[in-house]
């Protein structure tokens, strides 16, 4: 079902043209949710990741929001080198979709704390 949704989004974006950032955002968010529903280093797993992508002419902002249930504990145990490898794949996908190898992409990982403000876990610009 997810693959059908992804295909439908892809086809609609192609019909709208390449200049439409909203279509590209939707395609990439769906792709990330299908390809990376969780991020694991083999021992520790971040699950229930919500991807939110905003693209402008010369910059992109990717937010990964993880749930607070075990999210903070799992984040502290996660191998950050493995995590950064996954983030680099996400960044390359964004740049490829936008056909801009030099696009500045800022990545944030936020912990969703119920009834509290978000807690920023990771912030890096590529």
C-alpha atoms as a PDB file:
ATOM      1  CA  UNK A   1       0.000   0.000   0.000  1.00  0.00           C
ATOM      2  CA  UNK A   2       2.814   2.418   0.859  1.00  0.00           C
ATOM      3  CA  UNK A   3       4.483   1.705  -2.459  1.00  0.00           C
ATOM      4  CA  UNK A   4       1.253   2.451  -4.324  1.00  0.00           C
ATOM      5  CA  UNK A   5       0.965   5.767  -2.482  1.00  0.00           C
ATOM      6  CA  UNK A   6       4.591   6.567  -3.295  1.00  0.00           C
ATOM      7  CA  UNK A   7       4.012   5.766  -6.976  1.00  0.00           C
ATOM      8  CA  UNK A   8       0.897   7.953  -7.070  1.00  0.00           C
ATOM      9  CA  UNK A   9       2.793  10.859  -5.511  1.00  0.00           C
ATOM     10  CA  UNK A  10       5.642  10.378  -7.950  1.00  0.00           C
ATOM     11  CA  UNK A  11       3.316  10.402 -10.953  1.00  0.00           C
ATOM     12  CA  UNK A  12       1.458  13.476  -9.748  1.00  0.00           C
ATOM     13  CA  UNK A  13       4.717  15.333  -9.160  1.00  0.00           C
ATOM     14  CA  UNK A  14       5.995  14.494 -12.622  1.00  0.00           C
ATOM     15  CA  UNK A  15       2.796  15.846 -14.118  1.00  0.00           C
ATOM     16  CA  UNK A  16       3.131  19.083 -12.128  1.00  0.00           C
ATOM     17  CA  UNK A  17       6.679  19.787 -13.242  1.00  0.00           C
ATOM     18  CA  UNK A  18      10.064  20.036 -11.556  1.00  0.00           C
ATOM     19  CA  UNK A  19       9.654  23.574 -10.194  1.00  0.00           C
ATOM     20  CA  UNK A  20       7.043  22.558  -7.658  1.00  0.00           C
ATOM     21  CA  UNK A  21       8.757  22.289  -4.268  1.00  0.00           C
ATOM     22  CA  UNK A  22       5.651  20.986  -2.487  1.00  0.00           C
ATOM     23  CA  UNK A  23       5.450  17.979  -4.790  1.00  0.00           C
ATOM     24  CA  UNK A  24       9.148  17.240  -4.281  1.00  0.00           C
ATOM     25  CA  UNK A  25       8.733  17.563  -0.525  1.00  0.00           C
ATOM     26  CA  UNK A  26       5.817  15.109  -0.523  1.00  0.00           C
ATOM     27  CA  UNK A  27       7.661  12.606  -2.709  1.00  0.00           C
ATOM     28  CA  UNK A  28      10.787  12.698  -0.573  1.00  0.00           C
ATOM     29  CA  UNK A  29       8.919  12.518   2.741  1.00  0.00           C
ATOM     30  CA  UNK A  30       7.010   9.467   1.516  1.00  0.00           C
ATOM     31  CA  UNK A  31      10.204   7.896   0.190  1.00  0.00           C
ATOM     32  CA  UNK A  32      11.957   8.440   3.538  1.00  0.00           C
ATOM     33  CA  UNK A  33       9.028   6.984   5.480  1.00  0.00           C
ATOM     34  CA  UNK A  34       9.072   3.867   3.280  1.00  0.00           C
ATOM     35  CA  UNK A  35      12.847   3.398   3.133  1.00  0.00           C
ATOM     36  CA  UNK A  36      13.657   4.501   6.691  1.00  0.00           C
ATOM     37  CA  UNK A  37      10.683   3.819   8.995  1.00  0.00           C
ATOM     38  CA  UNK A  38      13.355   3.262  11.627  1.00  0.00           C
ATOM     39  CA  UNK A  39      17.091   3.845  11.901  1.00  0.00           C
ATOM     40  CA  UNK A  40      19.210   1.188  13.544  1.00  0.00           C
ATOM     41  CA  UNK A  41      22.875   0.553  14.198  1.00  0.00           C
ATOM     42  CA  UNK A  42      22.250  -3.175  14.677  1.00  0.00           C
ATOM     43  CA  UNK A  43      21.768  -2.889  18.435  1.00  0.00           C
ATOM     44  CA  UNK A  44      19.690   0.231  19.011  1.00  0.00           C
ATOM     45  CA  UNK A  45      16.706   1.334  16.968  1.00  0.00           C
ATOM     46  CA  UNK A  46      14.964   4.681  16.528  1.00  0.00           C
ATOM     47  CA  UNK A  47      11.371   3.965  15.555  1.00  0.00           C
ATOM     48  CA  UNK A  48       8.286   5.947  14.586  1.00  0.00           C
ATOM     49  CA  UNK A  49      10.248   8.668  12.830  1.00  0.00           C
ATOM     50  CA  UNK A  50       8.208  11.504  11.357  1.00  0.00           C
ATOM     51  CA  UNK A  51       9.949  13.240   8.443  1.00  0.00           C
ATOM     52  CA  UNK A  52       9.161  16.874   7.661  1.00  0.00           C
ATOM     53  CA  UNK A  53      10.904  18.493   4.703  1.00  0.00           C
ATOM     54  CA  UNK A  54      10.791  22.131   3.645  1.00  0.00           C
ATOM     55  CA  UNK A  55      12.536  23.186   0.438  1.00  0.00           C
ATOM     56  CA  UNK A  56      13.213  26.675  -0.855  1.00  0.00           C
ATOM     57  CA  UNK A  57      15.154  27.861  -3.879  1.00  0.00           C
ATOM     58  CA  UNK A  58      18.600  27.450  -2.310  1.00  0.00           C
ATOM     59  CA  UNK A  59      18.081  25.626   0.986  1.00  0.00           C
ATOM     60  CA  UNK A  60      16.328  22.615   2.467  1.00  0.00           C
ATOM     61  CA  UNK A  61      15.338  21.865   6.038  1.00  0.00           C
ATOM     62  CA  UNK A  62      14.797  18.252   7.085  1.00  0.00           C
ATOM     63  CA  UNK A  63      13.339  17.548  10.511  1.00  0.00           C
ATOM     64  CA  UNK A  64      13.224  14.061  11.967  1.00  0.00           C
ATOM     65  CA  UNK A  65      10.891  13.833  14.910  1.00  0.00           C
ATOM     66  CA  UNK A  66      11.074  10.813  17.196  1.00  0.00           C
ATOM     67  CA  UNK A  67       8.605   9.870  19.897  1.00  0.00           C
ATOM     68  CA  UNK A  68       9.598  10.330  23.516  1.00  0.00           C
ATOM     69  CA  UNK A  69       8.791   6.736  24.495  1.00  0.00           C
ATOM     70  CA  UNK A  70      12.339   5.323  24.659  1.00  0.00           C
ATOM     71  CA  UNK A  71      13.394   7.886  22.032  1.00  0.00           C
ATOM     72  CA  UNK A  72      15.783   9.810  24.268  1.00  0.00           C
ATOM     73  CA  UNK A  73      17.261   6.646  25.750  1.00  0.00           C
ATOM     74  CA  UNK A  74      17.670   5.006  22.339  1.00  0.00           C
ATOM     75  CA  UNK A  75      19.181   8.184  20.888  1.00  0.00           C
ATOM     76  CA  UNK A  76      21.885   8.223  23.556  1.00  0.00           C
ATOM     77  CA  UNK A  77      22.742   4.572  22.795  1.00  0.00           C
ATOM     78  CA  UNK A  78      22.624   4.873  18.992  1.00  0.00           C
ATOM     79  CA  UNK A  79      25.946   4.778  17.112  1.00  0.00           C
ATOM     80  CA  UNK A  80      26.081   8.344  15.761  1.00  0.00           C
ATOM     81  CA  UNK A  81      28.418   7.383  12.905  1.00  0.00           C
ATOM     82  CA  UNK A  82      25.808   4.948  11.560  1.00  0.00           C
ATOM     83  CA  UNK A  83      23.144   7.617  12.037  1.00  0.00           C
ATOM     84  CA  UNK A  84      25.175  10.176  10.064  1.00  0.00           C
ATOM     85  CA  UNK A  85      25.607   7.670   7.216  1.00  0.00           C
ATOM     86  CA  UNK A  86      21.815   7.415   6.959  1.00  0.00           C
ATOM     87  CA  UNK A  87      21.468  11.205   7.157  1.00  0.00           C
ATOM     88  CA  UNK A  88      23.959  11.588   4.298  1.00  0.00           C
ATOM     89  CA  UNK A  89      21.804   9.246   2.183  1.00  0.00           C
ATOM     90  CA  UNK A  90      18.790  11.441   2.945  1.00  0.00           C
ATOM     91  CA  UNK A  91      20.742  14.585   2.027  1.00  0.00           C
ATOM     92  CA  UNK A  92      21.909  13.029  -1.258  1.00  0.00           C
ATOM     93  CA  UNK A  93      18.309  12.083  -2.087  1.00  0.00           C
ATOM     94  CA  UNK A  94      17.158  15.656  -1.494  1.00  0.00           C
ATOM     95  CA  UNK A  95      19.944  17.098  -3.637  1.00  0.00           C
ATOM     96  CA  UNK A  96      19.266  14.589  -6.425  1.00  0.00           C
ATOM     97  CA  UNK A  97      15.528  15.345  -6.442  1.00  0.00           C
ATOM     98  CA  UNK A  98      16.251  19.066  -6.611  1.00  0.00           C
ATOM     99  CA  UNK A  99      18.988  18.509  -9.222  1.00  0.00           C
ATOM    100  CA  UNK A 100      21.335  20.649  -7.133  1.00  0.00           C
ATOM    101  CA  UNK A 101      24.463  18.917  -5.770  1.00  0.00           C
ATOM    102  CA  UNK A 102      25.388  22.042  -3.778  1.00  0.00           C
ATOM    103  CA  UNK A 103      22.014  22.558  -2.088  1.00  0.00           C
ATOM    104  CA  UNK A 104      22.465  23.442   1.579  1.00  0.00           C
ATOM    105  CA  UNK A 105      20.532  20.937   3.684  1.00  0.00           C
ATOM    106  CA  UNK A 106      20.017  21.469   7.414  1.00  0.00           C
ATOM    107  CA  UNK A 107      19.029  18.391   9.398  1.00  0.00           C
ATOM    108  CA  UNK A 108      17.416  18.499  12.832  1.00  0.00           C
ATOM    109  CA  UNK A 109      16.413  15.605  15.052  1.00  0.00           C
ATOM    110  CA  UNK A 110      13.806  16.498  17.647  1.00  0.00           C
ATOM    111  CA  UNK A 111      12.411  14.475  20.499  1.00  0.00           C
ATOM    112  CA  UNK A 112       8.641  14.845  20.785  1.00  0.00           C
ATOM    113  CA  UNK A 113       7.981  15.203  24.493  1.00  0.00           C
ATOM    114  CA  UNK A 114       4.269  14.908  25.175  1.00  0.00           C
ATOM    115  CA  UNK A 115       2.869  18.155  26.552  1.00  0.00           C
ATOM    116  CA  UNK A 116       6.316  19.784  26.531  1.00  0.00           C
ATOM    117  CA  UNK A 117       8.447  21.608  24.016  1.00  0.00           C
ATOM    118  CA  UNK A 118      10.558  19.624  21.619  1.00  0.00           C
ATOM    119  CA  UNK A 119      14.044  18.651  22.708  1.00  0.00           C
ATOM    120  CA  UNK A 120      16.700  19.134  20.001  1.00  0.00           C
ATOM    121  CA  UNK A 121      18.971  16.078  19.754  1.00  0.00           C
ATOM    122  CA  UNK A 122      20.899  16.762  16.540  1.00  0.00           C
ATOM    123  CA  UNK A 123      21.527  19.772  14.321  1.00  0.00           C
ATOM    124  CA  UNK A 124      23.889  19.814  11.352  1.00  0.00           C
ATOM    125  CA  UNK A 125      24.081  21.546   7.986  1.00  0.00           C
ATOM    126  CA  UNK A 126      25.451  19.732   4.953  1.00  0.00           C
END
